[in-house]
Amino acid sequence: MREKMLEVVDVSKVFGGLRAVDDISLTVNDGDIYGVIGPNGAGKSTLFNVIAGVIKPTVGKVVFKSKDVSLIPAFQKCRLGLGRTFQAAQ
């Protein structure tokens, strides 16, 4: 059985009255490749920012290699091997 690398469990992110991410759960196993698609404003970037630690989830948790990393900052997640890149439109 492949190792669970990343688990997003019931994550939501609210900005004031705007629910940008609503109750998202997903599991990524070692070797898996996924894509996240949706229209502008669907919450894709917000979800990645929560996973990477750029912003904290309002509710839910992010687990990386069996460790709850929900509330640790991005630079510490990066040291664990979890980070994000930004699109470089050229």
N, C-alpha and C. Protein backbone atom coordinates (compact mmCIF):
# COMPACT_ATOMS: atom_id res chain seq x y z
N MET A 1 0.85 -1.19 0.00
CA MET A 1 0.00 0.00 0.00
C MET A 1 0.89 1.25 0.00
N ARG A 2 0.50 2.21 -0.81
CA ARG A 2 1.29 3.44 -0.90
C ARG A 2 1.02 4.35 0.30
N GLU A 3 2.04 5.10 0.68
CA GLU A 3 1.94 6.01 1.83
C GLU A 3 1.07 7.22 1.50
N LYS A 4 0.25 7.63 2.46
CA LYS A 4 -0.50 8.89 2.32
C LYS A 4 0.49 10.03 2.49
N MET A 5 0.61 10.85 1.48
CA MET A 5 1.52 11.99 1.55
C MET A 5 0.81 13.23 2.07
N LEU A 6 -0.41 13.44 1.61
CA LEU A 6 -1.14 14.66 1.96
C LEU A 6 -2.60 14.32 2.16
N GLU A 7 -3.16 14.82 3.26
CA GLU A 7 -4.59 14.71 3.50
C GLU A 7 -5.12 16.10 3.83
N VAL A 8 -6.16 16.47 3.16
CA VAL A 8 -6.90 17.70 3.45
C VAL A 8 -8.25 17.23 3.98
N VAL A 9 -8.56 17.61 5.23
CA VAL A 9 -9.73 17.05 5.90
C VAL A 9 -10.71 18.16 6.26
N ASP A 10 -11.84 18.18 5.57
CA ASP A 10 -12.95 19.11 5.87
C ASP A 10 -12.49 20.56 5.98
N VAL A 11 -11.65 21.01 5.06
CA VAL A 11 -11.09 22.36 5.11
C VAL A 11 -12.07 23.38 4.52
N SER A 12 -12.26 24.45 5.26
CA SER A 12 -12.99 25.62 4.78
C SER A 12 -12.17 26.86 5.10
N LYS A 13 -12.33 27.88 4.26
CA LYS A 13 -11.69 29.17 4.51
C LYS A 13 -12.72 30.26 4.22
N VAL A 14 -12.94 31.09 5.23
CA VAL A 14 -13.91 32.18 5.12
C VAL A 14 -13.18 33.50 5.29
N PHE A 15 -13.45 34.44 4.39
CA PHE A 15 -12.94 35.80 4.48
C PHE A 15 -14.14 36.70 4.71
N GLY A 16 -14.33 37.18 5.94
CA GLY A 16 -15.52 37.97 6.24
C GLY A 16 -16.75 37.13 5.99
N GLY A 17 -17.60 37.54 5.06
CA GLY A 17 -18.79 36.78 4.72
C GLY A 17 -18.61 35.89 3.50
N LEU A 18 -17.41 35.86 2.92
CA LEU A 18 -17.16 35.08 1.71
C LEU A 18 -16.56 33.73 2.06
N ARG A 19 -17.23 32.66 1.70
CA ARG A 19 -16.71 31.31 1.91
C ARG A 19 -15.95 30.92 0.64
N ALA A 20 -14.63 31.10 0.68
CA ALA A 20 -13.79 30.88 -0.50
C ALA A 20 -13.55 29.39 -0.76
N VAL A 21 -13.43 28.61 0.31
CA VAL A 21 -13.27 27.16 0.22
C VAL A 21 -14.28 26.56 1.19
N ASP A 22 -15.05 25.58 0.74
CA ASP A 22 -16.15 25.05 1.54
C ASP A 22 -16.06 23.54 1.70
N ASP A 23 -15.56 23.10 2.85
CA ASP A 23 -15.59 21.69 3.25
C ASP A 23 -14.93 20.77 2.22
N ILE A 24 -13.65 21.01 1.94
CA ILE A 24 -12.89 20.21 0.98
C ILE A 24 -12.11 19.13 1.71
N SER A 25 -12.19 17.92 1.19
CA SER A 25 -11.39 16.80 1.68
C SER A 25 -10.77 16.10 0.48
N LEU A 26 -9.49 15.73 0.61
CA LEU A 26 -8.82 14.96 -0.43
C LEU A 26 -7.63 14.25 0.17
N THR A 27 -7.23 13.18 -0.48
CA THR A 27 -6.06 12.42 -0.08
C THR A 27 -5.17 12.23 -1.30
N VAL A 28 -3.87 12.48 -1.12
CA VAL A 28 -2.89 12.27 -2.18
C VAL A 28 -1.88 11.25 -1.66
N ASN A 29 -1.82 10.11 -2.33
CA ASN A 29 -0.86 9.07 -1.96
C ASN A 29 0.46 9.26 -2.70
N ASP A 30 1.50 8.67 -2.18
CA ASP A 30 2.82 8.72 -2.81
C ASP A 30 2.70 8.27 -4.26
N GLY A 31 3.17 9.08 -5.18
CA GLY A 31 3.14 8.76 -6.60
C GLY A 31 1.93 9.27 -7.35
N ASP A 32 0.92 9.74 -6.64
CA ASP A 32 -0.28 10.26 -7.29
C ASP A 32 -0.02 11.62 -7.91
N ILE A 33 -0.71 11.91 -8.99
CA ILE A 33 -0.69 13.22 -9.62
C ILE A 33 -2.14 13.64 -9.85
N TYR A 34 -2.48 14.82 -9.36
CA TYR A 34 -3.84 15.34 -9.51
C TYR A 34 -3.80 16.74 -10.11
N GLY A 35 -4.90 17.13 -10.67
CA GLY A 35 -5.09 18.50 -11.12
C GLY A 35 -6.32 19.07 -10.42
N VAL A 36 -6.31 20.36 -10.20
CA VAL A 36 -7.46 21.04 -9.61
C VAL A 36 -7.93 22.05 -10.65
N ILE A 37 -9.18 21.89 -11.07
CA ILE A 37 -9.71 22.77 -12.10
C ILE A 37 -10.99 23.43 -11.61
N GLY A 38 -11.29 24.56 -12.18
CA GLY A 38 -12.52 25.27 -11.85
C GLY A 38 -12.44 26.68 -12.40
N PRO A 39 -13.57 27.36 -12.42
CA PRO A 39 -13.60 28.72 -12.96
C PRO A 39 -12.91 29.71 -12.03
N ASN A 40 -12.64 30.90 -12.56
CA ASN A 40 -12.09 31.97 -11.72
C ASN A 40 -13.00 32.18 -10.52
N GLY A 41 -12.40 32.33 -9.35
CA GLY A 41 -13.17 32.58 -8.14
C GLY A 41 -13.67 31.32 -7.45
N ALA A 42 -13.29 30.15 -7.95
CA ALA A 42 -13.79 28.89 -7.37
C ALA A 42 -13.09 28.52 -6.07
N GLY A 43 -11.92 29.13 -5.78
CA GLY A 43 -11.21 28.83 -4.54
C GLY A 43 -9.97 27.98 -4.71
N LYS A 44 -9.54 27.76 -5.95
CA LYS A 44 -8.36 26.92 -6.20
C LYS A 44 -7.11 27.49 -5.53
N SER A 45 -6.83 28.75 -5.77
CA SER A 45 -5.63 29.37 -5.18
C SER A 45 -5.74 29.43 -3.66
N THR A 46 -6.93 29.69 -3.16
CA THR A 46 -7.11 29.72 -1.71
C THR A 46 -6.83 28.35 -1.11
N LEU A 47 -7.30 27.29 -1.76
CA LEU A 47 -7.02 25.93 -1.28
C LEU A 47 -5.52 25.67 -1.25
N PHE A 48 -4.82 26.02 -2.31
CA PHE A 48 -3.37 25.81 -2.33
C PHE A 48 -2.66 26.67 -1.29
N ASN A 49 -3.14 27.87 -1.06
CA ASN A 49 -2.55 28.72 -0.02
C ASN A 49 -2.75 28.13 1.37
N VAL A 50 -3.91 27.53 1.61
CA VAL A 50 -4.14 26.86 2.89
C VAL A 50 -3.21 25.66 3.03
N ILE A 51 -3.13 24.83 2.00
CA ILE A 51 -2.26 23.65 2.06
C ILE A 51 -0.82 24.05 2.30
N ALA A 52 -0.35 25.09 1.61
CA ALA A 52 1.05 25.52 1.72
C ALA A 52 1.35 26.31 2.98
N GLY A 53 0.32 26.79 3.68
CA GLY A 53 0.56 27.55 4.91
C GLY A 53 0.65 29.04 4.71
N VAL A 54 0.32 29.52 3.53
CA VAL A 54 0.32 30.96 3.28
C VAL A 54 -0.81 31.61 4.09
N ILE A 55 -1.94 30.89 4.19
CA ILE A 55 -3.05 31.31 5.04
C ILE A 55 -3.52 30.10 5.86
N LYS A 56 -4.13 30.36 7.00
CA LYS A 56 -4.62 29.29 7.86
C LYS A 56 -6.07 28.95 7.51
N PRO A 57 -6.45 27.68 7.64
CA PRO A 57 -7.84 27.32 7.39
C PRO A 57 -8.74 27.88 8.49
N THR A 58 -9.98 28.20 8.13
CA THR A 58 -10.95 28.59 9.14
C THR A 58 -11.34 27.38 9.97
N VAL A 59 -11.59 26.27 9.29
CA VAL A 59 -11.83 24.97 9.94
C VAL A 59 -11.17 23.89 9.10
N GLY A 60 -10.98 22.72 9.71
CA GLY A 60 -10.38 21.59 9.03
C GLY A 60 -8.90 21.49 9.30
N LYS A 61 -8.28 20.49 8.69
CA LYS A 61 -6.85 20.30 8.91
C LYS A 61 -6.15 19.81 7.66
N VAL A 62 -4.84 20.05 7.65
CA VAL A 62 -3.94 19.61 6.59
C VAL A 62 -2.92 18.69 7.25
N VAL A 63 -2.82 17.46 6.75
CA VAL A 63 -1.89 16.47 7.29
C VAL A 63 -0.88 16.13 6.20
N PHE A 64 0.40 16.27 6.52
CA PHE A 64 1.47 15.97 5.57
C PHE A 64 2.37 14.91 6.17
N LYS A 65 2.49 13.78 5.51
CA LYS A 65 3.28 12.65 6.00
C LYS A 65 2.93 12.32 7.44
N SER A 66 1.64 12.18 7.70
CA SER A 66 1.06 11.80 9.00
C SER A 66 1.23 12.84 10.10
N LYS A 67 1.64 14.06 9.77
CA LYS A 67 1.81 15.12 10.76
C LYS A 67 0.81 16.24 10.46
N ASP A 68 0.06 16.66 11.48
CA ASP A 68 -0.88 17.78 11.32
C ASP A 68 -0.08 19.06 11.17
N VAL A 69 -0.15 19.66 9.99
CA VAL A 69 0.61 20.87 9.69
C VAL A 69 -0.32 22.06 9.45
N SER A 70 -1.56 21.93 9.90
CA SER A 70 -2.59 22.93 9.61
C SER A 70 -2.21 24.35 10.01
N LEU A 71 -1.57 24.50 11.15
CA LEU A 71 -1.36 25.84 11.70
C LEU A 71 0.10 26.29 11.67
N ILE A 72 0.98 25.51 11.05
CA ILE A 72 2.37 25.96 11.01
C ILE A 72 2.59 26.83 9.78
N PRO A 73 3.49 27.81 9.88
CA PRO A 73 3.69 28.74 8.76
C PRO A 73 4.37 28.09 7.55
N ALA A 74 4.25 28.77 6.43
CA ALA A 74 4.74 28.26 5.16
C ALA A 74 6.22 27.89 5.20
N PHE A 75 7.06 28.71 5.85
CA PHE A 75 8.50 28.42 5.84
C PHE A 75 8.80 27.12 6.57
N GLN A 76 8.03 26.79 7.59
CA GLN A 76 8.25 25.53 8.31
C GLN A 76 7.73 24.34 7.50
N LYS A 77 6.60 24.53 6.80
CA LYS A 77 6.11 23.47 5.93
C LYS A 77 7.11 23.20 4.81
N CYS A 78 7.72 24.25 4.31
CA CYS A 78 8.71 24.11 3.25
C CYS A 78 9.89 23.26 3.72
N ARG A 79 10.31 23.45 4.95
CA ARG A 79 11.40 22.65 5.52
C ARG A 79 11.02 21.17 5.62
N LEU A 80 9.72 20.89 5.75
CA LEU A 80 9.25 19.50 5.79
C LEU A 80 9.10 18.89 4.40
N GLY A 81 9.18 19.76 3.37
CA GLY A 81 9.07 19.28 2.00
C GLY A 81 7.74 19.60 1.34
N LEU A 82 6.94 20.48 1.96
CA LEU A 82 5.65 20.86 1.40
C LEU A 82 5.69 22.34 1.05
N GLY A 83 5.53 22.66 -0.21
CA GLY A 83 5.57 24.05 -0.63
C GLY A 83 4.76 24.23 -1.91
N ARG A 84 4.74 25.43 -2.39
CA ARG A 84 4.03 25.72 -3.63
C ARG A 84 4.86 26.63 -4.50
N THR A 85 4.54 26.61 -5.78
CA THR A 85 5.15 27.55 -6.72
C THR A 85 4.03 28.37 -7.33
N PHE A 86 4.41 29.40 -8.02
CA PHE A 86 3.43 30.28 -8.66
C PHE A 86 3.59 30.19 -10.17
N GLN A 87 2.50 30.40 -10.87
CA GLN A 87 2.52 30.34 -12.32
C GLN A 87 3.42 31.46 -12.85
N ALA A 88 4.28 31.10 -13.78
CA ALA A 88 5.17 32.07 -14.41
C ALA A 88 4.71 32.24 -15.86
N ALA A 89 3.81 33.18 -16.09
CA ALA A 89 3.30 33.41 -17.45
C ALA A 89 4.36 34.17 -18.25
N GLN A 90 4.80 33.59 -19.35
CA GLN A 90 5.84 34.22 -20.15
C GLN A 90 5.40 34.32 -21.59
